C-alpha atoms as a PDB file:
ATOM      1  CA  UNK A   1       7.891 -13.765   8.543  1.00  0.00           C
ATOM      2  CA  UNK A   2       6.360 -17.276   7.944  1.00  0.00           C
ATOM      3  CA  UNK A   3       2.756 -16.256   8.962  1.00  0.00           C
ATOM      4  CA  UNK A   4       2.525 -19.685  10.971  1.00  0.00           C
ATOM      5  CA  UNK A   5       1.016 -19.258  14.347  1.00  0.00           C
ATOM      6  CA  UNK A   6       2.641 -21.075  17.304  1.00  0.00           C
ATOM      7  CA  UNK A   7       0.959 -24.348  18.141  1.00  0.00           C
ATOM      8  CA  UNK A   8      -0.960 -24.520  21.442  1.00  0.00           C
ATOM      9  CA  UNK A   9       0.200 -26.864  24.167  1.00  0.00           C
ATOM     10  CA  UNK A  10      -1.733 -29.801  25.247  1.00  0.00           C
ATOM     11  CA  UNK A  11      -2.892 -30.432  28.829  1.00  0.00           C
ATOM     12  CA  UNK A  12      -2.834 -28.226  31.817  1.00  0.00           C
ATOM     13  CA  UNK A  13       0.002 -25.985  32.995  1.00  0.00           C
ATOM     14  CA  UNK A  14       1.665 -27.586  36.012  1.00  0.00           C
ATOM     15  CA  UNK A  15       0.968 -25.884  39.321  1.00  0.00           C
ATOM     16  CA  UNK A  16       3.519 -24.444  41.511  1.00  0.00           C
ATOM     17  CA  UNK A  17       4.718 -26.870  44.199  1.00  0.00           C
ATOM     18  CA  UNK A  18       6.183 -26.102  47.603  1.00  0.00           C
ATOM     19  CA  UNK A  19       9.366 -24.069  47.274  1.00  0.00           C
ATOM     20  CA  UNK A  20       8.971 -23.309  43.560  1.00  0.00           C
ATOM     21  CA  UNK A  21       9.947 -19.838  42.575  1.00  0.00           C
ATOM     22  CA  UNK A  22       7.316 -17.941  40.694  1.00  0.00           C
ATOM     23  CA  UNK A  23       8.194 -17.572  37.126  1.00  0.00           C
ATOM     24  CA  UNK A  24       8.697 -14.134  35.747  1.00  0.00           C
ATOM     25  CA  UNK A  25       6.620 -12.912  32.862  1.00  0.00           C
ATOM     26  CA  UNK A  26       8.828 -12.450  29.840  1.00  0.00           C
ATOM     27  CA  UNK A  27       9.375  -8.803  28.966  1.00  0.00           C
ATOM     28  CA  UNK A  28       7.405  -7.828  25.879  1.00  0.00           C
ATOM     29  CA  UNK A  29       9.228  -5.293  23.638  1.00  0.00           C
ATOM     30  CA  UNK A  30       7.343  -2.063  23.037  1.00  0.00           C
ATOM     31  CA  UNK A  31       5.574  -2.041  19.581  1.00  0.00           C
ATOM     32  CA  UNK A  32       5.807   1.063  17.564  1.00  0.00           C
ATOM     33  CA  UNK A  33       3.904   2.108  14.409  1.00  0.00           C
ATOM     34  CA  UNK A  34       4.939   4.557  11.823  1.00  0.00           C
ATOM     35  CA  UNK A  35       3.278   6.329   9.072  1.00  0.00           C
ATOM     36  CA  UNK A  36       5.519   7.283   6.004  1.00  0.00           C
ATOM     37  CA  UNK A  37       5.338   8.724   2.583  1.00  0.00           C
ATOM     38  CA  UNK A  38       7.803   8.199  -0.158  1.00  0.00           C
ATOM     39  CA  UNK A  39       8.548   8.957  -3.810  1.00  0.00           C
ATOM     40  CA  UNK A  40       9.136   5.562  -5.407  1.00  0.00           C
ATOM     41  CA  UNK A  41      11.026   6.579  -8.680  1.00  0.00           C
ATOM     42  CA  UNK A  42      14.516   5.969  -7.048  1.00  0.00           C
ATOM     43  CA  UNK A  43      13.626   2.663  -5.285  1.00  0.00           C
ATOM     44  CA  UNK A  44      13.270  -0.900  -6.471  1.00  0.00           C
ATOM     45  CA  UNK A  45      10.007  -1.013  -4.626  1.00  0.00           C
ATOM     46  CA  UNK A  46       9.371  -1.400  -0.895  1.00  0.00           C
ATOM     47  CA  UNK A  47      10.754  -5.061  -0.057  1.00  0.00           C
ATOM     48  CA  UNK A  48      14.274  -5.552   1.011  1.00  0.00           C
ATOM     49  CA  UNK A  49      16.447  -7.184  -1.822  1.00  0.00           C
ATOM     50  CA  UNK A  50      19.873  -6.984  -0.281  1.00  0.00           C
ATOM     51  CA  UNK A  51      22.184  -4.402   0.927  1.00  0.00           C
ATOM     52  CA  UNK A  52      23.184  -3.042  -2.459  1.00  0.00           C
ATOM     53  CA  UNK A  53      19.554  -2.704  -3.891  1.00  0.00           C
ATOM     54  CA  UNK A  54      17.944   0.619  -3.026  1.00  0.00           C
ATOM     55  CA  UNK A  55      14.509  -0.286  -1.375  1.00  0.00           C
ATOM     56  CA  UNK A  56      12.224   1.629   0.982  1.00  0.00           C
ATOM     57  CA  UNK A  57      12.590  -1.039   3.605  1.00  0.00           C
ATOM     58  CA  UNK A  58      16.363  -0.966   3.405  1.00  0.00           C
ATOM     59  CA  UNK A  59      16.575   2.807   3.928  1.00  0.00           C
ATOM     60  CA  UNK A  60      14.074   2.811   6.654  1.00  0.00           C
ATOM     61  CA  UNK A  61      15.550  -0.158   8.483  1.00  0.00           C
ATOM     62  CA  UNK A  62      19.082   1.525   8.588  1.00  0.00           C
ATOM     63  CA  UNK A  63      17.590   4.758   9.831  1.00  0.00           C
ATOM     64  CA  UNK A  64      15.636   3.113  12.633  1.00  0.00           C
ATOM     65  CA  UNK A  65      18.710   1.069  13.484  1.00  0.00           C
ATOM     66  CA  UNK A  66      20.613   4.265  14.250  1.00  0.00           C
ATOM     67  CA  UNK A  67      17.793   5.540  16.517  1.00  0.00           C
ATOM     68  CA  UNK A  68      17.367   2.102  18.303  1.00  0.00           C
ATOM     69  CA  UNK A  69      21.131   1.525  18.470  1.00  0.00           C
ATOM     70  CA  UNK A  70      20.275  -2.217  17.357  1.00  0.00           C
ATOM     71  CA  UNK A  71      18.883  -3.787  14.250  1.00  0.00           C
ATOM     72  CA  UNK A  72      15.210  -3.282  13.671  1.00  0.00           C
ATOM     73  CA  UNK A  73      12.778  -5.686  11.768  1.00  0.00           C
ATOM     74  CA  UNK A  74       9.871  -3.768  10.220  1.00  0.00           C
ATOM     75  CA  UNK A  75       6.661  -4.947   8.620  1.00  0.00           C
ATOM     76  CA  UNK A  76       4.461  -2.967   6.287  1.00  0.00           C
ATOM     77  CA  UNK A  77       0.788  -2.683   5.271  1.00  0.00           C
ATOM     78  CA  UNK A  78       1.436  -3.517   1.634  1.00  0.00           C
ATOM     79  CA  UNK A  79       4.510  -4.048  -0.507  1.00  0.00           C
ATOM     80  CA  UNK A  80       4.726  -1.418  -3.236  1.00  0.00           C
ATOM     81  CA  UNK A  81       6.575  -2.122  -6.717  1.00  0.00           C
ATOM     82  CA  UNK A  82       9.366  -0.380  -8.262  1.00  0.00           C
ATOM     83  CA  UNK A  83       8.462   3.290  -9.056  1.00  0.00           C
ATOM     84  CA  UNK A  84       5.337   3.167  -7.078  1.00  0.00           C
ATOM     85  CA  UNK A  85       4.747   6.045  -4.562  1.00  0.00           C
ATOM     86  CA  UNK A  86       2.973   6.313  -1.052  1.00  0.00           C
ATOM     87  CA  UNK A  87       1.509   9.225   0.916  1.00  0.00           C
ATOM     88  CA  UNK A  88       0.459   6.807   3.734  1.00  0.00           C
ATOM     89  CA  UNK A  89       2.436   3.559   4.053  1.00  0.00           C
ATOM     90  CA  UNK A  90       2.024   2.101   7.554  1.00  0.00           C
ATOM     91  CA  UNK A  91       4.686  -0.054   9.383  1.00  0.00           C
ATOM     92  CA  UNK A  92       5.348  -1.621  12.697  1.00  0.00           C
ATOM     93  CA  UNK A  93       8.274  -2.873  14.633  1.00  0.00           C
ATOM     94  CA  UNK A  94       9.209  -4.045  18.073  1.00  0.00           C
ATOM     95  CA  UNK A  95      12.181  -2.473  19.881  1.00  0.00           C
ATOM     96  CA  UNK A  96      13.974  -3.427  23.087  1.00  0.00           C
ATOM     97  CA  UNK A  97      14.658   0.262  23.727  1.00  0.00           C
ATOM     98  CA  UNK A  98      11.933   2.756  24.508  1.00  0.00           C
ATOM     99  CA  UNK A  99      11.969   6.163  22.812  1.00  0.00           C
ATOM    100  CA  UNK A 100       9.333   8.937  22.880  1.00  0.00           C
ATOM    101  CA  UNK A 101       7.303   9.071  19.525  1.00  0.00           C
ATOM    102  CA  UNK A 102       8.906  12.235  18.490  1.00  0.00           C
ATOM    103  CA  UNK A 103      12.373  10.722  18.839  1.00  0.00           C
ATOM    104  CA  UNK A 104      11.368   7.924  16.465  1.00  0.00           C
ATOM    105  CA  UNK A 105       9.978  10.412  13.985  1.00  0.00           C
ATOM    106  CA  UNK A 106      12.682  12.907  14.004  1.00  0.00           C
ATOM    107  CA  UNK A 107      15.453  10.484  14.512  1.00  0.00           C
ATOM    108  CA  UNK A 108      14.389   8.505  11.476  1.00  0.00           C
ATOM    109  CA  UNK A 109      13.974  11.412   9.266  1.00  0.00           C
ATOM    110  CA  UNK A 110      17.368  12.720  10.241  1.00  0.00           C
ATOM    111  CA  UNK A 111      18.903   9.570   8.478  1.00  0.00           C
ATOM    112  CA  UNK A 112      16.479   9.071   5.712  1.00  0.00           C
ATOM    113  CA  UNK A 113      16.977  10.437   2.111  1.00  0.00           C
ATOM    114  CA  UNK A 114      14.645  13.351   1.032  1.00  0.00           C
ATOM    115  CA  UNK A 115      12.406  10.897  -0.847  1.00  0.00           C
ATOM    116  CA  UNK A 116      11.258   9.145   2.225  1.00  0.00           C
ATOM    117  CA  UNK A 117       9.630  10.916   5.106  1.00  0.00           C
ATOM    118  CA  UNK A 118       8.130   9.596   8.566  1.00  0.00           C
ATOM    119  CA  UNK A 119       4.957  11.548   9.052  1.00  0.00           C
ATOM    120  CA  UNK A 120       3.765  10.141  12.283  1.00  0.00           C
ATOM    121  CA  UNK A 121       5.023   7.692  15.065  1.00  0.00           C
ATOM    122  CA  UNK A 122       3.255   6.389  18.032  1.00  0.00           C
ATOM    123  CA  UNK A 123       3.194   3.388  20.302  1.00  0.00           C
ATOM    124  CA  UNK A 124       0.531   0.645  19.712  1.00  0.00           C
ATOM    125  CA  UNK A 125      -0.618  -2.404  21.492  1.00  0.00           C
ATOM    126  CA  UNK A 126       1.061  -5.650  20.970  1.00  0.00           C
ATOM    127  CA  UNK A 127      -1.814  -7.013  18.776  1.00  0.00           C
ATOM    128  CA  UNK A 128      -1.417  -4.300  16.192  1.00  0.00           C
ATOM    129  CA  UNK A 129      -0.008  -5.642  12.923  1.00  0.00           C
ATOM    130  CA  UNK A 130       0.369  -3.209  10.017  1.00  0.00           C
ATOM    131  CA  UNK A 131      -0.800  -5.744   7.445  1.00  0.00           C
ATOM    132  CA  UNK A 132      -3.084  -8.161   9.219  1.00  0.00           C
ATOM    133  CA  UNK A 133      -4.910  -5.391  11.262  1.00  0.00           C
ATOM    134  CA  UNK A 134      -5.696  -3.301   8.084  1.00  0.00           C
ATOM    135  CA  UNK A 135      -9.465  -3.450   6.970  1.00  0.00           C
ATOM    136  CA  UNK A 136      -8.802  -1.775   3.698  1.00  0.00           C
ATOM    137  CA  UNK A 137      -6.285  -0.046   1.462  1.00  0.00           C
ATOM    138  CA  UNK A 138      -6.815   2.791  -0.973  1.00  0.00           C
ATOM    139  CA  UNK A 139      -4.841   3.601  -4.114  1.00  0.00           C
ATOM    140  CA  UNK A 140      -5.099   6.338  -6.623  1.00  0.00           C
ATOM    141  CA  UNK A 141      -3.761   6.230 -10.119  1.00  0.00           C
ATOM    142  CA  UNK A 142      -3.023   9.558 -11.724  1.00  0.00           C
ATOM    143  CA  UNK A 143      -3.048  10.089 -15.482  1.00  0.00           C
ATOM    144  CA  UNK A 144      -1.686  13.185 -17.264  1.00  0.00           C
ATOM    145  CA  UNK A 145      -3.931  13.044 -20.438  1.00  0.00           C
ATOM    146  CA  UNK A 146      -2.145  15.195 -23.094  1.00  0.00           C
ATOM    147  CA  UNK A 147      -0.792  14.764 -26.521  1.00  0.00           C
ATOM    148  CA  UNK A 148       2.306  16.860 -25.284  1.00  0.00           C
ATOM    149  CA  UNK A 149       4.405  15.728 -22.362  1.00  0.00           C
ATOM    150  CA  UNK A 150       4.930  17.860 -19.317  1.00  0.00           C
ATOM    151  CA  UNK A 151       8.312  18.855 -17.763  1.00  0.00           C
ATOM    152  CA  UNK A 152       6.784  18.790 -14.340  1.00  0.00           C
ATOM    153  CA  UNK A 153       6.590  15.594 -12.191  1.00  0.00           C
ATOM    154  CA  UNK A 154       7.133  13.181 -15.056  1.00  0.00           C
ATOM    155  CA  UNK A 155       7.746  10.330 -12.517  1.00  0.00           C
ATOM    156  CA  UNK A 156       4.760  11.048 -10.670  1.00  0.00           C
ATOM    157  CA  UNK A 157       1.967  10.665 -13.267  1.00  0.00           C
ATOM    158  CA  UNK A 158       1.583   8.359 -16.122  1.00  0.00           C
ATOM    159  CA  UNK A 159       1.105  10.353 -19.457  1.00  0.00           C
ATOM    160  CA  UNK A 160      -1.450   9.020 -21.897  1.00  0.00           C
ATOM    161  CA  UNK A 161      -1.408  10.775 -25.218  1.00  0.00           C
ATOM    162  CA  UNK A 162      -4.821   9.332 -26.493  1.00  0.00           C
ATOM    163  CA  UNK A 163      -7.971  11.432 -25.624  1.00  0.00           C
ATOM    164  CA  UNK A 164      -9.659   9.663 -22.701  1.00  0.00           C
ATOM    165  CA  UNK A 165     -13.342   9.872 -21.695  1.00  0.00           C
ATOM    166  CA  UNK A 166     -13.349   9.722 -18.089  1.00  0.00           C
ATOM    167  CA  UNK A 167     -17.096   9.151 -17.863  1.00  0.00           C
ATOM    168  CA  UNK A 168     -16.714   6.169 -19.922  1.00  0.00           C
ATOM    169  CA  UNK A 169     -13.989   4.855 -17.568  1.00  0.00           C
ATOM    170  CA  UNK A 170     -16.036   5.472 -14.635  1.00  0.00           C
ATOM    171  CA  UNK A 171     -19.009   3.648 -15.907  1.00  0.00           C
ATOM    172  CA  UNK A 172     -16.720   0.666 -16.833  1.00  0.00           C
ATOM    173  CA  UNK A 173     -15.256   0.651 -13.337  1.00  0.00           C
ATOM    174  CA  UNK A 174     -18.524   0.125 -11.729  1.00  0.00           C
ATOM    175  CA  UNK A 175     -18.381  -3.464 -12.579  1.00  0.00           C
ATOM    176  CA  UNK A 176     -15.481  -3.876 -10.046  1.00  0.00           C
ATOM    177  CA  UNK A 177     -17.163  -3.350  -6.596  1.00  0.00           C
ATOM    178  CA  UNK A 178     -18.021  -6.259  -4.511  1.00  0.00           C
ATOM    179  CA  UNK A 179     -16.242  -9.466  -3.589  1.00  0.00           C
ATOM    180  CA  UNK A 180     -15.220 -11.113  -6.806  1.00  0.00           C
ATOM    181  CA  UNK A 181     -12.509 -13.231  -8.551  1.00  0.00           C
ATOM    182  CA  UNK A 182      -9.962 -10.791  -9.928  1.00  0.00           C
ATOM    183  CA  UNK A 183      -7.997 -13.284 -12.049  1.00  0.00           C
ATOM    184  CA  UNK A 184      -8.417 -10.980 -15.086  1.00  0.00           C
ATOM    185  CA  UNK A 185      -6.331  -8.307 -13.343  1.00  0.00           C
ATOM    186  CA  UNK A 186      -3.873 -10.486 -11.647  1.00  0.00           C
ATOM    187  CA  UNK A 187      -0.033 -10.574 -12.344  1.00  0.00           C
ATOM    188  CA  UNK A 188       1.260 -13.927 -13.556  1.00  0.00           C
ATOM    189  CA  UNK A 189       3.739 -14.073 -10.734  1.00  0.00           C
ATOM    190  CA  UNK A 190       1.201 -13.095  -8.044  1.00  0.00           C
ATOM    191  CA  UNK A 191       1.718 -15.388  -4.866  1.00  0.00           C
ATOM    192  CA  UNK A 192      -1.793 -14.732  -3.294  1.00  0.00           C
ATOM    193  CA  UNK A 193      -3.456 -17.992  -2.482  1.00  0.00           C
ATOM    194  CA  UNK A 194      -6.805 -16.789  -3.787  1.00  0.00           C
ATOM    195  CA  UNK A 195      -7.836 -14.263  -6.562  1.00  0.00           C
ATOM    196  CA  UNK A 196     -10.820 -13.193  -4.455  1.00  0.00           C
ATOM    197  CA  UNK A 197     -10.853  -9.552  -3.400  1.00  0.00           C
ATOM    198  CA  UNK A 198     -13.590  -7.238  -2.179  1.00  0.00           C
ATOM    199  CA  UNK A 199     -13.545  -3.805  -3.980  1.00  0.00           C
ATOM    200  CA  UNK A 200     -15.430  -1.352  -1.818  1.00  0.00           C
ATOM    201  CA  UNK A 201     -15.621   1.505  -4.211  1.00  0.00           C
ATOM    202  CA  UNK A 202     -13.993   2.880  -7.247  1.00  0.00           C
ATOM    203  CA  UNK A 203     -14.304   6.105  -9.157  1.00  0.00           C
ATOM    204  CA  UNK A 204     -12.737   7.930 -12.228  1.00  0.00           C
ATOM    205  CA  UNK A 205     -12.754  11.716 -12.376  1.00  0.00           C
ATOM    206  CA  UNK A 206     -11.254  14.404 -14.575  1.00  0.00           C
ATOM    207  CA  UNK A 207      -9.807  17.789 -13.557  1.00  0.00           C
ATOM    208  CA  UNK A 208      -8.248  19.524 -16.548  1.00  0.00           C
ATOM    209  CA  UNK A 209      -5.607  17.257 -18.058  1.00  0.00           C
ATOM    210  CA  UNK A 210      -5.592  15.041 -14.907  1.00  0.00           C
ATOM    211  CA  UNK A 211      -7.712  11.897 -14.707  1.00  0.00           C
ATOM    212  CA  UNK A 212      -7.739  10.036 -11.389  1.00  0.00           C
ATOM    213  CA  UNK A 213      -8.685   6.388 -10.775  1.00  0.00           C
ATOM    214  CA  UNK A 214      -9.475   6.023  -7.055  1.00  0.00           C
ATOM    215  CA  UNK A 215     -10.040   2.575  -5.692  1.00  0.00           C
ATOM    216  CA  UNK A 216     -10.493   1.016  -2.247  1.00  0.00           C
ATOM    217  CA  UNK A 217     -10.442  -2.557  -1.492  1.00  0.00           C
ATOM    218  CA  UNK A 218      -9.857  -4.924   1.484  1.00  0.00           C
ATOM    219  CA  UNK A 219      -6.656  -6.042  -0.292  1.00  0.00           C
ATOM    220  CA  UNK A 220      -5.047  -6.051  -3.722  1.00  0.00           C
ATOM    221  CA  UNK A 221      -3.534  -8.599  -6.014  1.00  0.00           C
ATOM    222  CA  UNK A 222      -0.033  -8.148  -7.540  1.00  0.00           C
ATOM    223  CA  UNK A 223      -0.459  -5.441 -10.134  1.00  0.00           C
ATOM    224  CA  UNK A 224      -4.120  -5.294  -9.737  1.00  0.00           C
ATOM    225  CA  UNK A 225      -4.548  -1.546  -9.699  1.00  0.00           C
ATOM    226  CA  UNK A 226      -2.159  -1.060 -12.643  1.00  0.00           C
ATOM    227  CA  UNK A 227      -3.935  -3.840 -14.663  1.00  0.00           C
ATOM    228  CA  UNK A 228      -7.378  -2.180 -13.913  1.00  0.00           C
ATOM    229  CA  UNK A 229      -5.887   1.383 -14.906  1.00  0.00           C
ATOM    230  CA  UNK A 230      -4.584  -0.011 -18.177  1.00  0.00           C
ATOM    231  CA  UNK A 231      -7.926  -1.608 -19.028  1.00  0.00           C
ATOM    232  CA  UNK A 232      -9.772   1.482 -18.148  1.00  0.00           C
ATOM    233  CA  UNK A 233      -7.598   3.640 -20.243  1.00  0.00           C
ATOM    234  CA  UNK A 234      -8.401   1.525 -23.306  1.00  0.00           C
ATOM    235  CA  UNK A 235     -12.084   1.890 -22.583  1.00  0.00           C
ATOM    236  CA  UNK A 236     -11.748   5.571 -22.212  1.00  0.00           C
ATOM    237  CA  UNK A 237      -9.773   5.754 -25.591  1.00  0.00           C
ATOM    238  CA  UNK A 238     -12.841   3.985 -27.320  1.00  0.00           C
ATOM    239  CA  UNK A 239     -11.082   0.649 -28.057  1.00  0.00           C
ATOM    240  CA  UNK A 240     -13.846  -1.218 -25.959  1.00  0.00           C
ATOM    241  CA  UNK A 241     -17.189  -0.501 -24.677  1.00  0.00           C
ATOM    242  CA  UNK A 242     -17.654   0.078 -20.790  1.00  0.00           C
ATOM    243  CA  UNK A 243     -19.291  -3.491 -20.538  1.00  0.00           C
ATOM    244  CA  UNK A 244     -15.978  -5.099 -21.463  1.00  0.00           C
ATOM    245  CA  UNK A 245     -14.737  -4.877 -17.927  1.00  0.00           C
ATOM    246  CA  UNK A 246     -17.594  -6.956 -16.708  1.00  0.00           C
ATOM    247  CA  UNK A 247     -16.954  -9.516 -19.356  1.00  0.00           C
ATOM    248  CA  UNK A 248     -13.249  -9.737 -18.377  1.00  0.00           C
ATOM    249  CA  UNK A 249     -14.242 -10.388 -14.795  1.00  0.00           C
ATOM    250  CA  UNK A 250     -16.413 -13.228 -15.882  1.00  0.00           C
ATOM    251  CA  UNK A 251     -13.719 -14.856 -18.127  1.00  0.00           C
ATOM    252  CA  UNK A 252     -11.001 -14.663 -15.471  1.00  0.00           C
ATOM    253  CA  UNK A 253      -8.349 -14.617 -18.040  1.00  0.00           C
ATOM    254  CA  UNK A 254      -5.502 -11.997 -17.702  1.00  0.00           C
ATOM    255  CA  UNK A 255      -4.293 -12.502 -21.304  1.00  0.00           C
ATOM    256  CA  UNK A 256      -7.647 -10.923 -22.456  1.00  0.00           C
ATOM    257  CA  UNK A 257      -7.279  -7.679 -20.596  1.00  0.00           C
ATOM    258  CA  UNK A 258      -5.121  -4.613 -21.396  1.00  0.00           C
ATOM    259  CA  UNK A 259      -1.351  -4.244 -20.668  1.00  0.00           C
ATOM    260  CA  UNK A 260      -0.200  -3.356 -17.211  1.00  0.00           C
ATOM    261  CA  UNK A 261      -0.241   0.539 -16.772  1.00  0.00           C
ATOM    262  CA  UNK A 262       3.227   2.009 -15.793  1.00  0.00           C
ATOM    263  CA  UNK A 263       3.970   2.526 -12.098  1.00  0.00           C
ATOM    264  CA  UNK A 264       4.560   6.199 -12.337  1.00  0.00           C
ATOM    265  CA  UNK A 265       1.053   7.309 -11.518  1.00  0.00           C
ATOM    266  CA  UNK A 266       0.225   4.660  -8.792  1.00  0.00           C
ATOM    267  CA  UNK A 267       0.017   5.952  -5.109  1.00  0.00           C
ATOM    268  CA  UNK A 268      -0.747   4.103  -1.900  1.00  0.00           C
ATOM    269  CA  UNK A 269      -2.719   6.882  -0.256  1.00  0.00           C
ATOM    270  CA  UNK A 270      -4.400   5.257   2.852  1.00  0.00           C
ATOM    271  CA  UNK A 271      -4.579   2.136   4.876  1.00  0.00           C
ATOM    272  CA  UNK A 272      -7.667   1.844   7.112  1.00  0.00           C
ATOM    273  CA  UNK A 273      -7.569   0.322  10.635  1.00  0.00           C
ATOM    274  CA  UNK A 274     -10.021   0.085  13.537  1.00  0.00           C
ATOM    275  CA  UNK A 275     -10.131   3.435  15.396  1.00  0.00           C
ATOM    276  CA  UNK A 276      -8.964   1.612  18.640  1.00  0.00           C
ATOM    277  CA  UNK A 277      -5.416   1.530  17.270  1.00  0.00           C
ATOM    278  CA  UNK A 278      -5.281   5.292  16.823  1.00  0.00           C
ATOM    279  CA  UNK A 279      -3.360   5.361  13.430  1.00  0.00           C
ATOM    280  CA  UNK A 280      -4.153   8.682  11.753  1.00  0.00           C
ATOM    281  CA  UNK A 281      -6.139   8.923   8.434  1.00  0.00           C
ATOM    282  CA  UNK A 282      -4.293   9.444   5.201  1.00  0.00           C
ATOM    283  CA  UNK A 283      -4.368  12.414   2.958  1.00  0.00           C
ATOM    284  CA  UNK A 284      -7.520  12.743   0.701  1.00  0.00           C
ATOM    285  CA  UNK A 285      -5.256  12.741  -2.379  1.00  0.00           C
ATOM    286  CA  UNK A 286      -1.384  12.736  -3.049  1.00  0.00           C
ATOM    287  CA  UNK A 287       0.136  16.059  -2.004  1.00  0.00           C
ATOM    288  CA  UNK A 288       0.604  17.243  -5.785  1.00  0.00           C
ATOM    289  CA  UNK A 289      -3.232  16.848  -6.203  1.00  0.00           C
ATOM    290  CA  UNK A 290      -4.343  18.859  -3.121  1.00  0.00           C
ATOM    291  CA  UNK A 291      -7.398  20.918  -3.934  1.00  0.00           C
ATOM    292  CA  UNK A 292      -7.532  19.636  -7.642  1.00  0.00           C
ATOM    293  CA  UNK A 293      -9.622  16.587  -7.035  1.00  0.00           C
ATOM    294  CA  UNK A 294     -12.728  16.316  -4.819  1.00  0.00           C
ATOM    295  CA  UNK A 295     -12.761  14.321  -1.448  1.00  0.00           C
ATOM    296  CA  UNK A 296     -14.208  10.968  -1.133  1.00  0.00           C
END
């Protein structure tokens, strides 16, 4: 999708003359939105990379093609990288065939691997766009803070053996909210035209051996959350003072910040839209954390 808008015509539309047949309005294909969750460890990210590379977009497109009996082009709220998970990814597509919402949901799931699940399907208005209509995205980064590895869910948390001080991490993270230049936390190959983003809120909390970084923003730069997580872990380990994060933002230099944290612990947990579109809210936390971490 190029992102270019069609140019507007100049002048007035010609009026109908005697004997002219009225022009039929072109049929607009119904637009459908889906909410899905997926476990990212077996995928090379969201975006299609050819028929032989396992991506979430490829698997979902193939499943929907069976239900629609025709190829389907899908658009997502935010592309996730290799190994990154989602509990609420949102997509939309147009289809020439009409199906009940239940058919899109059940039909897609019947042809998806166990690591991907459509959790909601519904018709939306033609002006809904999974990416452009979103007002905010929310990610959580889950850290298993222990000197000894766990045999449970190794691909769904990031283990950090250093003892981390979550209170120091939370203090440091409070430099992030607001509309700012996030060049210090931007991947070198980020394709965004601007480093400006607006972080709405961020928190760091601990429950036992789990530390959760919870961040909501209007949008994110490539690797932004993982770069922030890596930096906050170094603060929590005592390598830097909490004020260091504010200094990094001011210097706008990615090379001064910490290394990118692994993808294992990163989850896209919610995408916010105006209520008029009827997209259901996401879970408070990833399923494996249900009841362990407080709500927003």
